[in-house]
Amino acid sequence: MATKLFRITPVKITHNGSTRLYDHLVISNIPKMSKFITVAPGASVTDGLLEITTVKSGSFLRLLRHLLRRVVAEDAEPKQISEFVFTCVRPAILQLDGEVVQLKQGQRVRVVCAPKLLRTIV
């Protein structure tokens, strides 16, 4: 069990013609994930922008340090974009708002933010 906890399977994608390997890739439009992990302090669900937070593939300690900093600090400055398109170089598991999705090798993914599309009552 302990070996699985510390084993990281990076996601390998092609984006804008270059291949990248990430231990952590989060595309969001919210400031916090799970109520206490800061992903993008200035994010807004109404601005039509996505925030991308990445940790390049490396050591487990680098990933752990990144995650702990997100819990205790709000110093994240993710890149803001209107869409993110990538292709999976190898199969990957993706989580979409709590749903687990299996991506196939060669599968193209396009993530966009549709501003003001969802109406909510508060």
PDB file of N, CA and C in Angstrom:
ATOM      1  N   MET A   1       0.821  -1.199   0.000  1.00  0.00           N
ATOM      2  CA  MET A   1       0.000   0.000   0.000  1.00  0.00           C
ATOM      3  C   MET A   1       0.861   1.257   0.000  1.00  0.00           C
ATOM      4  N   ALA A   2       1.898   1.287   0.826  1.00  0.00           N
ATOM      5  CA  ALA A   2       2.757   2.477   0.912  1.00  0.00           C
ATOM      6  C   ALA A   2       3.455   2.767  -0.414  1.00  0.00           C
ATOM      7  N   THR A   3       3.816   1.733  -1.157  1.00  0.00           N
ATOM      8  CA  THR A   3       4.491   1.973  -2.439  1.00  0.00           C
ATOM      9  C   THR A   3       3.551   2.629  -3.435  1.00  0.00           C
ATOM     10  N   LYS A   4       2.271   2.281  -3.409  1.00  0.00           N
ATOM     11  CA  LYS A   4       1.310   2.919  -4.311  1.00  0.00           C
ATOM     12  C   LYS A   4       1.066   4.371  -3.932  1.00  0.00           C
ATOM     13  N   LEU A   5       1.116   4.664  -2.629  1.00  0.00           N
ATOM     14  CA  LEU A   5       0.912   6.028  -2.165  1.00  0.00           C
ATOM     15  C   LEU A   5       1.990   6.961  -2.699  1.00  0.00           C
ATOM     16  N   PHE A   6       3.224   6.487  -2.782  1.00  0.00           N
ATOM     17  CA  PHE A   6       4.337   7.335  -3.193  1.00  0.00           C
ATOM     18  C   PHE A   6       4.677   7.202  -4.676  1.00  0.00           C
ATOM     19  N   ARG A   7       3.965   6.371  -5.414  1.00  0.00           N
ATOM     20  CA  ARG A   7       4.221   6.206  -6.845  1.00  0.00           C
ATOM     21  C   ARG A   7       3.427   7.253  -7.619  1.00  0.00           C
ATOM     22  N   ILE A   8       4.123   7.997  -8.425  1.00  0.00           N
ATOM     23  CA  ILE A   8       3.487   9.035  -9.229  1.00  0.00           C
ATOM     24  C   ILE A   8       3.507   8.582 -10.678  1.00  0.00           C
ATOM     25  N   THR A   9       2.355   8.646 -11.331  1.00  0.00           N
ATOM     26  CA  THR A   9       2.296   8.342 -12.757  1.00  0.00           C
ATOM     27  C   THR A   9       2.010   9.654 -13.472  1.00  0.00           C
ATOM     28  N   PRO A  10       3.035  10.282 -14.016  1.00  0.00           N
ATOM     29  CA  PRO A  10       2.837  11.580 -14.675  1.00  0.00           C
ATOM     30  C   PRO A  10       1.961  11.453 -15.920  1.00  0.00           C
ATOM     31  N   VAL A  11       1.256  12.520 -16.214  1.00  0.00           N
ATOM     32  CA  VAL A  11       0.483  12.589 -17.442  1.00  0.00           C
ATOM     33  C   VAL A  11       1.406  13.159 -18.521  1.00  0.00           C
ATOM     34  N   LYS A  12       1.395  12.525 -19.679  1.00  0.00           N
ATOM     35  CA  LYS A  12       2.253  12.959 -20.793  1.00  0.00           C
ATOM     36  C   LYS A  12       1.339  13.453 -21.904  1.00  0.00           C
ATOM     37  N   ILE A  13       1.489  14.746 -22.238  1.00  0.00           N
ATOM     38  CA  ILE A  13       0.615  15.361 -23.232  1.00  0.00           C
ATOM     39  C   ILE A  13       1.429  16.117 -24.271  1.00  0.00           C
ATOM     40  N   THR A  14       0.788  16.374 -25.400  1.00  0.00           N
ATOM     41  CA  THR A  14       1.339  17.276 -26.402  1.00  0.00           C
ATOM     42  C   THR A  14       0.444  18.507 -26.417  1.00  0.00           C
ATOM     43  N   HIS A  15       1.087  19.682 -26.267  1.00  0.00           N
ATOM     44  CA  HIS A  15       0.361  20.952 -26.250  1.00  0.00           C
ATOM     45  C   HIS A  15       1.161  21.955 -27.072  1.00  0.00           C
ATOM     46  N   ASN A  16       0.511  22.574 -28.040  1.00  0.00           N
ATOM     47  CA  ASN A  16       1.168  23.543 -28.930  1.00  0.00           C
ATOM     48  C   ASN A  16       2.440  22.979 -29.563  1.00  0.00           C
ATOM     49  N   GLY A  17       2.390  21.717 -29.958  1.00  0.00           N
ATOM     50  CA  GLY A  17       3.504  21.112 -30.673  1.00  0.00           C
ATOM     51  C   GLY A  17       4.640  20.576 -29.821  1.00  0.00           C
ATOM     52  N   SER A  18       4.592  20.746 -28.497  1.00  0.00           N
ATOM     53  CA  SER A  18       5.663  20.198 -27.661  1.00  0.00           C
ATOM     54  C   SER A  18       5.085  19.197 -26.663  1.00  0.00           C
ATOM     55  N   THR A  19       5.879  18.177 -26.380  1.00  0.00           N
ATOM     56  CA  THR A  19       5.464  17.138 -25.444  1.00  0.00           C
ATOM     57  C   THR A  19       5.894  17.532 -24.042  1.00  0.00           C
ATOM     58  N   ARG A  20       4.969  17.382 -23.099  1.00  0.00           N
ATOM     59  CA  ARG A  20       5.223  17.779 -21.712  1.00  0.00           C
ATOM     60  C   ARG A  20       4.811  16.654 -20.776  1.00  0.00           C
ATOM     61  N   LEU A  21       5.507  16.571 -19.657  1.00  0.00           N
ATOM     62  CA  LEU A  21       5.256  15.552 -18.651  1.00  0.00           C
ATOM     63  C   LEU A  21       4.951  16.246 -17.334  1.00  0.00           C
ATOM     64  N   TYR A  22       3.761  16.004 -16.769  1.00  0.00           N
ATOM     65  CA  TYR A  22       3.339  16.675 -15.547  1.00  0.00           C
ATOM     66  C   TYR A  22       2.963  15.669 -14.470  1.00  0.00           C
ATOM     67  N   ASP A  23       3.374  15.959 -13.232  1.00  0.00           N
ATOM     68  CA  ASP A  23       2.896  15.200 -12.075  1.00  0.00           C
ATOM     69  C   ASP A  23       1.555  15.754 -11.618  1.00  0.00           C
ATOM     70  N   HIS A  24       1.306  17.017 -11.925  1.00  0.00           N
ATOM     71  CA  HIS A  24       0.107  17.700 -11.446  1.00  0.00           C
ATOM     72  C   HIS A  24      -0.316  18.700 -12.522  1.00  0.00           C
ATOM     73  N   LEU A  25      -1.523  18.547 -13.032  1.00  0.00           N
ATOM     74  CA  LEU A  25      -2.063  19.454 -14.044  1.00  0.00           C
ATOM     75  C   LEU A  25      -3.514  19.747 -13.667  1.00  0.00           C
ATOM     76  N   VAL A  26      -3.775  20.990 -13.272  1.00  0.00           N
ATOM     77  CA  VAL A  26      -5.120  21.377 -12.866  1.00  0.00           C
ATOM     78  C   VAL A  26      -5.584  22.516 -13.757  1.00  0.00           C
ATOM     79  N   ILE A  27      -6.745  22.331 -14.381  1.00  0.00           N
ATOM     80  CA  ILE A  27      -7.385  23.368 -15.182  1.00  0.00           C
ATOM     81  C   ILE A  27      -8.675  23.708 -14.444  1.00  0.00           C
ATOM     82  N   SER A  28      -8.782  24.949 -14.007  1.00  0.00           N
ATOM     83  CA  SER A  28      -9.921  25.306 -13.158  1.00  0.00           C
ATOM     84  C   SER A  28     -10.422  26.714 -13.466  1.00  0.00           C
ATOM     85  N   ASN A  29     -11.533  27.054 -12.844  1.00  0.00           N
ATOM     86  CA  ASN A  29     -12.010  28.440 -12.876  1.00  0.00           C
ATOM     87  C   ASN A  29     -12.542  28.828 -11.495  1.00  0.00           C
ATOM     88  N   ILE A  30     -12.007  28.177 -10.474  1.00  0.00           N
ATOM     89  CA  ILE A  30     -12.389  28.438  -9.088  1.00  0.00           C
ATOM     90  C   ILE A  30     -11.134  28.730  -8.261  1.00  0.00           C
ATOM     91  N   PRO A  31     -11.273  29.514  -7.196  1.00  0.00           N
ATOM     92  CA  PRO A  31     -10.099  29.846  -6.388  1.00  0.00           C
ATOM     93  C   PRO A  31      -9.588  28.691  -5.527  1.00  0.00           C
ATOM     94  N   LYS A  32     -10.479  27.856  -5.010  1.00  0.00           N
ATOM     95  CA  LYS A  32     -10.067  26.770  -4.118  1.00  0.00           C
ATOM     96  C   LYS A  32     -10.691  25.454  -4.544  1.00  0.00           C
ATOM     97  N   MET A  33      -9.938  24.388  -4.284  1.00  0.00           N
ATOM     98  CA  MET A  33     -10.392  23.044  -4.566  1.00  0.00           C
ATOM     99  C   MET A  33     -10.555  22.332  -3.226  1.00  0.00           C
ATOM    100  N   SER A  34     -11.618  21.608  -3.024  1.00  0.00           N
ATOM    101  CA  SER A  34     -11.888  20.902  -1.770  1.00  0.00           C
ATOM    102  C   SER A  34     -11.928  21.849  -0.580  1.00  0.00           C
ATOM    103  N   LYS A  35     -12.294  23.075  -0.799  1.00  0.00           N
ATOM    104  CA  LYS A  35     -12.479  24.122   0.201  1.00  0.00           C
ATOM    105  C   LYS A  35     -11.203  24.625   0.875  1.00  0.00           C
ATOM    106  N   PHE A  36     -10.072  23.948   0.720  1.00  0.00           N
ATOM    107  CA  PHE A  36      -8.882  24.411   1.418  1.00  0.00           C
ATOM    108  C   PHE A  36      -7.600  24.386   0.591  1.00  0.00           C
ATOM    109  N   ILE A  37      -7.631  23.887  -0.622  1.00  0.00           N
ATOM    110  CA  ILE A  37      -6.440  23.873  -1.475  1.00  0.00           C
ATOM    111  C   ILE A  37      -6.558  25.029  -2.470  1.00  0.00           C
ATOM    112  N   THR A  38      -5.692  26.004  -2.340  1.00  0.00           N
ATOM    113  CA  THR A  38      -5.720  27.161  -3.224  1.00  0.00           C
ATOM    114  C   THR A  38      -5.153  26.782  -4.581  1.00  0.00           C
ATOM    115  N   VAL A  39      -5.957  26.921  -5.619  1.00  0.00           N
ATOM    116  CA  VAL A  39      -5.472  26.660  -6.976  1.00  0.00           C
ATOM    117  C   VAL A  39      -5.285  27.956  -7.752  1.00  0.00           C
ATOM    118  N   ALA A  40      -6.141  28.934  -7.500  1.00  0.00           N
ATOM    119  CA  ALA A  40      -6.054  30.208  -8.217  1.00  0.00           C
ATOM    120  C   ALA A  40      -6.778  31.285  -7.407  1.00  0.00           C
ATOM    121  N   PRO A  41      -6.063  32.023  -6.559  1.00  0.00           N
ATOM    122  CA  PRO A  41      -6.703  32.983  -5.667  1.00  0.00           C
ATOM    123  C   PRO A  41      -7.602  34.007  -6.362  1.00  0.00           C
ATOM    124  N   GLY A  42      -7.250  34.454  -7.553  1.00  0.00           N
ATOM    125  CA  GLY A  42      -8.039  35.471  -8.240  1.00  0.00           C
ATOM    126  C   GLY A  42      -9.043  34.929  -9.230  1.00  0.00           C
ATOM    127  N   ALA A  43      -9.282  33.626  -9.220  1.00  0.00           N
ATOM    128  CA  ALA A  43     -10.170  33.015 -10.207  1.00  0.00           C
ATOM    129  C   ALA A  43     -11.623  33.437  -9.992  1.00  0.00           C
ATOM    130  N   SER A  44     -12.347  33.482 -11.102  1.00  0.00           N
ATOM    131  CA  SER A  44     -13.762  33.825 -11.060  1.00  0.00           C
ATOM    132  C   SER A  44     -14.519  32.884 -11.991  1.00  0.00           C
ATOM    133  N   VAL A  45     -15.655  32.405 -11.550  1.00  0.00           N
ATOM    134  CA  VAL A  45     -16.455  31.526 -12.399  1.00  0.00           C
ATOM    135  C   VAL A  45     -17.205  32.297 -13.480  1.00  0.00           C
ATOM    136  N   THR A  46     -17.141  33.627 -13.442  1.00  0.00           N
ATOM    137  CA  THR A  46     -17.906  34.429 -14.407  1.00  0.00           C
ATOM    138  C   THR A  46     -17.047  35.172 -15.423  1.00  0.00           C
ATOM    139  N   ASP A  47     -15.712  35.071 -15.347  1.00  0.00           N
ATOM    140  CA  ASP A  47     -14.868  35.873 -16.238  1.00  0.00           C
ATOM    141  C   ASP A  47     -14.554  35.214 -17.582  1.00  0.00           C
ATOM    142  N   GLY A  48     -14.939  33.959 -17.755  1.00  0.00           N
ATOM    143  CA  GLY A  48     -14.686  33.277 -19.016  1.00  0.00           C
ATOM    144  C   GLY A  48     -13.268  32.785 -19.186  1.00  0.00           C
ATOM    145  N   LEU A  49     -12.463  32.815 -18.121  1.00  0.00           N
ATOM    146  CA  LEU A  49     -11.073  32.376 -18.198  1.00  0.00           C
ATOM    147  C   LEU A  49     -10.842  31.114 -17.382  1.00  0.00           C
ATOM    148  N   LEU A  50      -9.897  30.324 -17.846  1.00  0.00           N
ATOM    149  CA  LEU A  50      -9.444  29.142 -17.130  1.00  0.00           C
ATOM    150  C   LEU A  50      -8.094  29.448 -16.503  1.00  0.00           C
ATOM    151  N   GLU A  51      -7.838  28.879 -15.351  1.00  0.00           N
ATOM    152  CA  GLU A  51      -6.532  28.993 -14.713  1.00  0.00           C
ATOM    153  C   GLU A  51      -5.859  27.628 -14.783  1.00  0.00           C
ATOM    154  N   ILE A  52      -4.594  27.623 -15.195  1.00  0.00           N
ATOM    155  CA  ILE A  52      -3.850  26.375 -15.320  1.00  0.00           C
ATOM    156  C   ILE A  52      -2.719  26.364 -14.305  1.00  0.00           C
ATOM    157  N   THR A  53      -2.703  25.312 -13.482  1.00  0.00           N
ATOM    158  CA  THR A  53      -1.663  25.111 -12.487  1.00  0.00           C
ATOM    159  C   THR A  53      -0.945  23.814 -12.832  1.00  0.00           C
ATOM    160  N   THR A  54       0.372  23.864 -12.921  1.00  0.00           N
ATOM    161  CA  THR A  54       1.134  22.678 -13.299  1.00  0.00           C
ATOM    162  C   THR A  54       2.323  22.450 -12.369  1.00  0.00           C
ATOM    163  N   VAL A  55       2.700  21.192 -12.260  1.00  0.00           N
ATOM    164  CA  VAL A  55       3.960  20.807 -11.626  1.00  0.00           C
ATOM    165  C   VAL A  55       4.593  19.823 -12.598  1.00  0.00           C
ATOM    166  N   LYS A  56       5.744  20.208 -13.139  1.00  0.00           N
ATOM    167  CA  LYS A  56       6.430  19.321 -14.070  1.00  0.00           C
ATOM    168  C   LYS A  56       6.871  18.053 -13.360  1.00  0.00           C
ATOM    169  N   SER A  57       6.998  16.987 -14.134  1.00  0.00           N
ATOM    170  CA  SER A  57       7.371  15.700 -13.565  1.00  0.00           C
ATOM    171  C   SER A  57       8.723  15.789 -12.873  1.00  0.00           C
ATOM    172  N   GLY A  58       8.803  15.190 -11.714  1.00  0.00           N
ATOM    173  CA  GLY A  58      10.038  15.205 -10.934  1.00  0.00           C
ATOM    174  C   GLY A  58       9.925  14.245  -9.781  1.00  0.00           C
ATOM    175  N   SER A  59      10.195  14.738  -8.594  1.00  0.00           N
ATOM    176  CA  SER A  59      10.176  13.868  -7.433  1.00  0.00           C
ATOM    177  C   SER A  59       8.862  13.984  -6.668  1.00  0.00           C
ATOM    178  N   PHE A  60       8.594  12.977  -5.865  1.00  0.00           N
ATOM    179  CA  PHE A  60       7.421  12.992  -5.002  1.00  0.00           C
ATOM    180  C   PHE A  60       7.499  14.162  -4.028  1.00  0.00           C
ATOM    181  N   LEU A  61       8.688  14.472  -3.541  1.00  0.00           N
ATOM    182  CA  LEU A  61       8.853  15.566  -2.587  1.00  0.00           C
ATOM    183  C   LEU A  61       8.498  16.913  -3.211  1.00  0.00           C
ATOM    184  N   ARG A  62       8.828  17.119  -4.480  1.00  0.00           N
ATOM    185  CA  ARG A  62       8.468  18.370  -5.164  1.00  0.00           C
ATOM    186  C   ARG A  62       6.951  18.513  -5.243  1.00  0.00           C
ATOM    187  N   LEU A  63       6.279  17.435  -5.589  1.00  0.00           N
ATOM    188  CA  LEU A  63       4.819  17.458  -5.678  1.00  0.00           C
ATOM    189  C   LEU A  63       4.212  17.692  -4.298  1.00  0.00           C
ATOM    190  N   LEU A  64       4.721  17.020  -3.280  1.00  0.00           N
ATOM    191  CA  LEU A  64       4.216  17.200  -1.921  1.00  0.00           C
ATOM    192  C   LEU A  64       4.405  18.640  -1.449  1.00  0.00           C
ATOM    193  N   ARG A  65       5.572  19.212  -1.727  1.00  0.00           N
ATOM    194  CA  ARG A  65       5.833  20.603  -1.349  1.00  0.00           C
ATOM    195  C   ARG A  65       4.832  21.541  -2.035  1.00  0.00           C
ATOM    196  N   HIS A  66       4.581  21.307  -3.320  1.00  0.00           N
ATOM    197  CA  HIS A  66       3.612  22.122  -4.058  1.00  0.00           C
ATOM    198  C   HIS A  66       2.224  22.036  -3.428  1.00  0.00           C
ATOM    199  N   LEU A  67       1.769  20.826  -3.124  1.00  0.00           N
ATOM    200  CA  LEU A  67       0.443  20.648  -2.554  1.00  0.00           C
ATOM    201  C   LEU A  67       0.334  21.274  -1.164  1.00  0.00           C
ATOM    202  N   LEU A  68       1.363  21.132  -0.341  1.00  0.00           N
ATOM    203  CA  LEU A  68       1.346  21.737   0.992  1.00  0.00           C
ATOM    204  C   LEU A  68       1.332  23.261   0.917  1.00  0.00           C
ATOM    205  N   ARG A  69       2.071  23.819  -0.028  1.00  0.00           N
ATOM    206  CA  ARG A  69       2.057  25.283  -0.206  1.00  0.00           C
ATOM    207  C   ARG A  69       0.679  25.771  -0.616  1.00  0.00           C
ATOM    208  N   ARG A  70      -0.046  24.981  -1.390  1.00  0.00           N
ATOM    209  CA  ARG A  70      -1.394  25.380  -1.798  1.00  0.00           C
ATOM    210  C   ARG A  70      -2.357  25.357  -0.621  1.00  0.00           C
ATOM    211  N   VAL A  71      -2.102  24.497   0.363  1.00  0.00           N
ATOM    212  CA  VAL A  71      -2.970  24.423   1.534  1.00  0.00           C
ATOM    213  C   VAL A  71      -2.718  25.584   2.482  1.00  0.00           C
ATOM    214  N   VAL A  72      -1.449  25.928   2.727  1.00  0.00           N
ATOM    215  CA  VAL A  72      -1.124  26.935   3.746  1.00  0.00           C
ATOM    216  C   VAL A  72      -0.927  28.343   3.190  1.00  0.00           C
ATOM    217  N   ALA A  73      -0.767  28.489   1.899  1.00  0.00           N
ATOM    218  CA  ALA A  73      -0.506  29.814   1.325  1.00  0.00           C
ATOM    219  C   ALA A  73      -1.405  30.056   0.124  1.00  0.00           C
ATOM    220  N   GLU A  74      -1.555  31.307  -0.220  1.00  0.00           N
ATOM    221  CA  GLU A  74      -2.344  31.671  -1.393  1.00  0.00           C
ATOM    222  C   GLU A  74      -1.484  32.433  -2.381  1.00  0.00           C
ATOM    223  N   ASP A  75      -0.264  31.950  -2.592  1.00  0.00           N
ATOM    224  CA  ASP A  75       0.670  32.648  -3.467  1.00  0.00           C
ATOM    225  C   ASP A  75       0.692  32.098  -4.890  1.00  0.00           C
ATOM    226  N   ALA A  76      -0.271  31.267  -5.230  1.00  0.00           N
ATOM    227  CA  ALA A  76      -0.307  30.688  -6.569  1.00  0.00           C
ATOM    228  C   ALA A  76      -0.621  31.768  -7.603  1.00  0.00           C
ATOM    229  N   GLU A  77       0.072  31.723  -8.714  1.00  0.00           N
ATOM    230  CA  GLU A  77      -0.191  32.635  -9.827  1.00  0.00           C
ATOM    231  C   GLU A  77      -0.306  31.821 -11.108  1.00  0.00           C
ATOM    232  N   PRO A  78      -1.438  31.147 -11.293  1.00  0.00           N
ATOM    233  CA  PRO A  78      -1.585  30.317 -12.480  1.00  0.00           C
ATOM    234  C   PRO A  78      -1.759  31.155 -13.743  1.00  0.00           C
ATOM    235  N   LYS A  79      -1.480  30.525 -14.851  1.00  0.00           N
ATOM    236  CA  LYS A  79      -1.666  31.162 -16.148  1.00  0.00           C
ATOM    237  C   LYS A  79      -3.157  31.190 -16.470  1.00  0.00           C
ATOM    238  N   GLN A  80      -3.639  32.318 -16.998  1.00  0.00           N
ATOM    239  CA  GLN A  80      -5.047  32.441 -17.374  1.00  0.00           C
ATOM    240  C   GLN A  80      -5.192  32.372 -18.896  1.00  0.00           C
ATOM    241  N   ILE A  81      -6.112  31.535 -19.355  1.00  0.00           N
ATOM    242  CA  ILE A  81      -6.366  31.369 -20.784  1.00  0.00           C
ATOM    243  C   ILE A  81      -7.857  31.132 -21.011  1.00  0.00           C
ATOM    244  N   SER A  82      -8.291  31.235 -22.263  1.00  0.00           N
ATOM    245  CA  SER A  82      -9.702  30.997 -22.569  1.00  0.00           C
ATOM    246  C   SER A  82      -9.968  29.549 -22.983  1.00  0.00           C
ATOM    247  N   GLU A  83      -8.938  28.836 -23.445  1.00  0.00           N
ATOM    248  CA  GLU A  83      -9.084  27.414 -23.755  1.00  0.00           C
ATOM    249  C   GLU A  83      -7.742  26.719 -23.671  1.00  0.00           C
ATOM    250  N   PHE A  84      -7.790  25.397 -23.449  1.00  0.00           N
ATOM    251  CA  PHE A  84      -6.573  24.595 -23.369  1.00  0.00           C
ATOM    252  C   PHE A  84      -6.819  23.330 -24.169  1.00  0.00           C
ATOM    253  N   VAL A  85      -5.996  23.090 -25.171  1.00  0.00           N
ATOM    254  CA  VAL A  85      -6.137  21.924 -26.047  1.00  0.00           C
ATOM    255  C   VAL A  85      -4.871  21.092 -25.936  1.00  0.00           C
ATOM    256  N   PHE A  86      -5.047  19.790 -25.721  1.00  0.00           N
ATOM    257  CA  PHE A  86      -3.892  18.902 -25.653  1.00  0.00           C
ATOM    258  C   PHE A  86      -4.258  17.525 -26.187  1.00  0.00           C
ATOM    259  N   THR A  87      -3.231  16.729 -26.482  1.00  0.00           N
ATOM    260  CA  THR A  87      -3.404  15.356 -26.932  1.00  0.00           C
ATOM    261  C   THR A  87      -2.641  14.449 -25.984  1.00  0.00           C
ATOM    262  N   CYS A  88      -3.266  13.359 -25.578  1.00  0.00           N
ATOM    263  CA  CYS A  88      -2.614  12.397 -24.689  1.00  0.00           C
ATOM    264  C   CYS A  88      -1.583  11.590 -25.465  1.00  0.00           C
ATOM    265  N   VAL A  89      -0.356  11.593 -24.978  1.00  0.00           N
ATOM    266  CA  VAL A  89       0.700  10.808 -25.615  1.00  0.00           C
ATOM    267  C   VAL A  89       0.563   9.340 -25.216  1.00  0.00           C
ATOM    268  N   ARG A  90       0.065   9.104 -24.017  1.00  0.00           N
ATOM    269  CA  ARG A  90      -0.204   7.744 -23.530  1.00  0.00           C
ATOM    270  C   ARG A  90      -1.511   7.798 -22.737  1.00  0.00           C
ATOM    271  N   PRO A  91      -2.121   6.639 -22.466  1.00  0.00           N
ATOM    272  CA  PRO A  91      -3.374   6.648 -21.710  1.00  0.00           C
ATOM    273  C   PRO A  91      -3.215   7.386 -20.379  1.00  0.00           C
ATOM    274  N   ALA A  92      -4.288   8.062 -19.959  1.00  0.00           N
ATOM    275  CA  ALA A  92      -4.256   8.831 -18.714  1.00  0.00           C
ATOM    276  C   ALA A  92      -5.625   8.797 -18.055  1.00  0.00           C
ATOM    277  N   ILE A  93      -5.618   9.005 -16.758  1.00  0.00           N
ATOM    278  CA  ILE A  93      -6.859   9.104 -16.005  1.00  0.00           C
ATOM    279  C   ILE A  93      -7.067  10.571 -15.674  1.00  0.00           C
ATOM    280  N   LEU A  94      -8.277  11.052 -15.935  1.00  0.00           N
ATOM    281  CA  LEU A  94      -8.615  12.451 -15.738  1.00  0.00           C
ATOM    282  C   LEU A  94      -9.794  12.525 -14.786  1.00  0.00           C
ATOM    283  N   GLN A  95      -9.800  13.532 -13.941  1.00  0.00           N
ATOM    284  CA  GLN A  95     -10.947  13.743 -13.058  1.00  0.00           C
ATOM    285  C   GLN A  95     -11.628  15.036 -13.477  1.00  0.00           C
ATOM    286  N   LEU A  96     -12.906  14.928 -13.806  1.00  0.00           N
ATOM    287  CA  LEU A  96     -13.704  16.084 -14.219  1.00  0.00           C
ATOM    288  C   LEU A  96     -14.800  16.309 -13.197  1.00  0.00           C
ATOM    289  N   ASP A  97     -14.607  17.280 -12.337  1.00  0.00           N
ATOM    290  CA  ASP A  97     -15.586  17.629 -11.308  1.00  0.00           C
ATOM    291  C   ASP A  97     -16.049  16.401 -10.535  1.00  0.00           C
ATOM    292  N   GLY A  98     -15.088  15.566 -10.149  1.00  0.00           N
ATOM    293  CA  GLY A  98     -15.390  14.388  -9.344  1.00  0.00           C
ATOM    294  C   GLY A  98     -15.598  13.110 -10.136  1.00  0.00           C
ATOM    295  N   GLU A  99     -15.808  13.212 -11.427  1.00  0.00           N
ATOM    296  CA  GLU A  99     -15.995  12.033 -12.275  1.00  0.00           C
ATOM    297  C   GLU A  99     -14.660  11.606 -12.862  1.00  0.00           C
ATOM    298  N   VAL A 100     -14.341  10.325 -12.780  1.00  0.00           N
ATOM    299  CA  VAL A 100     -13.094   9.802 -13.320  1.00  0.00           C
ATOM    300  C   VAL A 100     -13.325   9.372 -14.767  1.00  0.00           C
ATOM    301  N   VAL A 101     -12.447   9.848 -15.654  1.00  0.00           N
ATOM    302  CA  VAL A 101     -12.547   9.560 -17.081  1.00  0.00           C
ATOM    303  C   VAL A 101     -11.214   8.977 -17.548  1.00  0.00           C
ATOM    304  N   GLN A 102     -11.268   7.889 -18.317  1.00  0.00           N
ATOM    305  CA  GLN A 102     -10.064   7.274 -18.869  1.00  0.00           C
ATOM    306  C   GLN A 102      -9.832   7.837 -20.263  1.00  0.00           C
ATOM    307  N   LEU A 103      -8.670   8.457 -20.474  1.00  0.00           N
ATOM    308  CA  LEU A 103      -8.317   8.989 -21.786  1.00  0.00           C
ATOM    309  C   LEU A 103      -7.425   7.993 -22.509  1.00  0.00           C
ATOM    310  N   LYS A 104      -7.623   7.880 -23.813  1.00  0.00           N
ATOM    311  CA  LYS A 104      -6.845   6.943 -24.619  1.00  0.00           C
ATOM    312  C   LYS A 104      -5.634   7.638 -25.220  1.00  0.00           C
ATOM    313  N   GLN A 105      -4.653   6.844 -25.587  1.00  0.00           N
ATOM    314  CA  GLN A 105      -3.481   7.374 -26.286  1.00  0.00           C
ATOM    315  C   GLN A 105      -3.944   8.013 -27.590  1.00  0.00           C
ATOM    316  N   GLY A 106      -3.471   9.232 -27.845  1.00  0.00           N
ATOM    317  CA  GLY A 106      -3.837   9.935 -29.060  1.00  0.00           C
ATOM    318  C   GLY A 106      -5.136  10.722 -28.959  1.00  0.00           C
ATOM    319  N   GLN A 107      -5.818  10.627 -27.831  1.00  0.00           N
ATOM    320  CA  GLN A 107      -7.085  11.342 -27.672  1.00  0.00           C
ATOM    321  C   GLN A 107      -6.834  12.840 -27.511  1.00  0.00           C
ATOM    322  N   ARG A 108      -7.603  13.632 -28.254  1.00  0.00           N
ATOM    323  CA  ARG A 108      -7.502  15.090 -28.195  1.00  0.00           C
ATOM    324  C   ARG A 108      -8.534  15.617 -27.201  1.00  0.00           C
ATOM    325  N   VAL A 109      -8.099  16.538 -26.356  1.00  0.00           N
ATOM    326  CA  VAL A 109      -8.974  17.110 -25.327  1.00  0.00           C
ATOM    327  C   VAL A 109      -8.967  18.625 -25.489  1.00  0.00           C
ATOM    328  N   ARG A 110     -10.155  19.212 -25.459  1.00  0.00           N
ATOM    329  CA  ARG A 110     -10.294  20.667 -25.534  1.00  0.00           C
ATOM    330  C   ARG A 110     -11.113  21.114 -24.327  1.00  0.00           C
ATOM    331  N   VAL A 111     -10.512  21.973 -23.503  1.00  0.00           N
ATOM    332  CA  VAL A 111     -11.188  22.487 -22.315  1.00  0.00           C
ATOM    333  C   VAL A 111     -11.457  23.972 -22.545  1.00  0.00           C
ATOM    334  N   VAL A 112     -12.722  24.371 -22.421  1.00  0.00           N
ATOM    335  CA  VAL A 112     -13.102  25.771 -22.582  1.00  0.00           C
ATOM    336  C   VAL A 112     -13.974  26.189 -21.404  1.00  0.00           C
ATOM    337  N   CYS A 113     -14.052  27.474 -21.202  1.00  0.00           N
ATOM    338  CA  CYS A 113     -14.913  28.033 -20.172  1.00  0.00           C
ATOM    339  C   CYS A 113     -16.012  28.819 -20.881  1.00  0.00           C
ATOM    340  N   ALA A 114     -17.248  28.488 -20.574  1.00  0.00           N
ATOM    341  CA  ALA A 114     -18.385  29.176 -21.177  1.00  0.00           C
ATOM    342  C   ALA A 114     -18.921  30.175 -20.152  1.00  0.00           C
ATOM    343  N   PRO A 115     -18.525  31.450 -20.257  1.00  0.00           N
ATOM    344  CA  PRO A 115     -18.929  32.427 -19.245  1.00  0.00           C
ATOM    345  C   PRO A 115     -20.434  32.665 -19.228  1.00  0.00           C
ATOM    346  N   LYS A 116     -20.969  32.789 -18.026  1.00  0.00           N
ATOM    347  CA  LYS A 116     -22.372  33.140 -17.780  1.00  0.00           C
ATOM    348  C   LYS A 116     -23.360  32.153 -18.406  1.00  0.00           C
ATOM    349  N   LEU A 117     -22.930  30.910 -18.619  1.00  0.00           N
ATOM    350  CA  LEU A 117     -23.818  29.921 -19.215  1.00  0.00           C
ATOM    351  C   LEU A 117     -24.693  29.232 -18.162  1.00  0.00           C
ATOM    352  N   LEU A 118     -24.150  29.019 -16.985  1.00  0.00           N
ATOM    353  CA  LEU A 118     -24.876  28.335 -15.916  1.00  0.00           C
ATOM    354  C   LEU A 118     -25.501  29.354 -14.987  1.00  0.00           C
ATOM    355  N   ARG A 119     -26.800  29.241 -14.790  1.00  0.00           N
ATOM    356  CA  ARG A 119     -27.493  30.144 -13.884  1.00  0.00           C
ATOM    357  C   ARG A 119     -27.705  29.449 -12.550  1.00  0.00           C
ATOM    358  N   THR A 120     -27.413  30.172 -11.487  1.00  0.00           N
ATOM    359  CA  THR A 120     -27.591  29.617 -10.152  1.00  0.00           C
ATOM    360  C   THR A 120     -28.443  30.555  -9.307  1.00  0.00           C
ATOM    361  N   ILE A 121     -29.106  29.983  -8.341  1.00  0.00           N
ATOM    362  CA  ILE A 121     -29.898  30.766  -7.398  1.00  0.00           C
ATOM    363  C   ILE A 121     -29.184  30.693  -6.055  1.00  0.00           C
ATOM    364  N   VAL A 122     -28.908  31.843  -5.493  1.00  0.00           N
ATOM    365  CA  VAL A 122     -28.200  31.892  -4.221  1.00  0.00           C
ATOM    366  C   VAL A 122     -29.127  32.418  -3.156  1.00  0.00           C
TER     367      VAL A 122
END
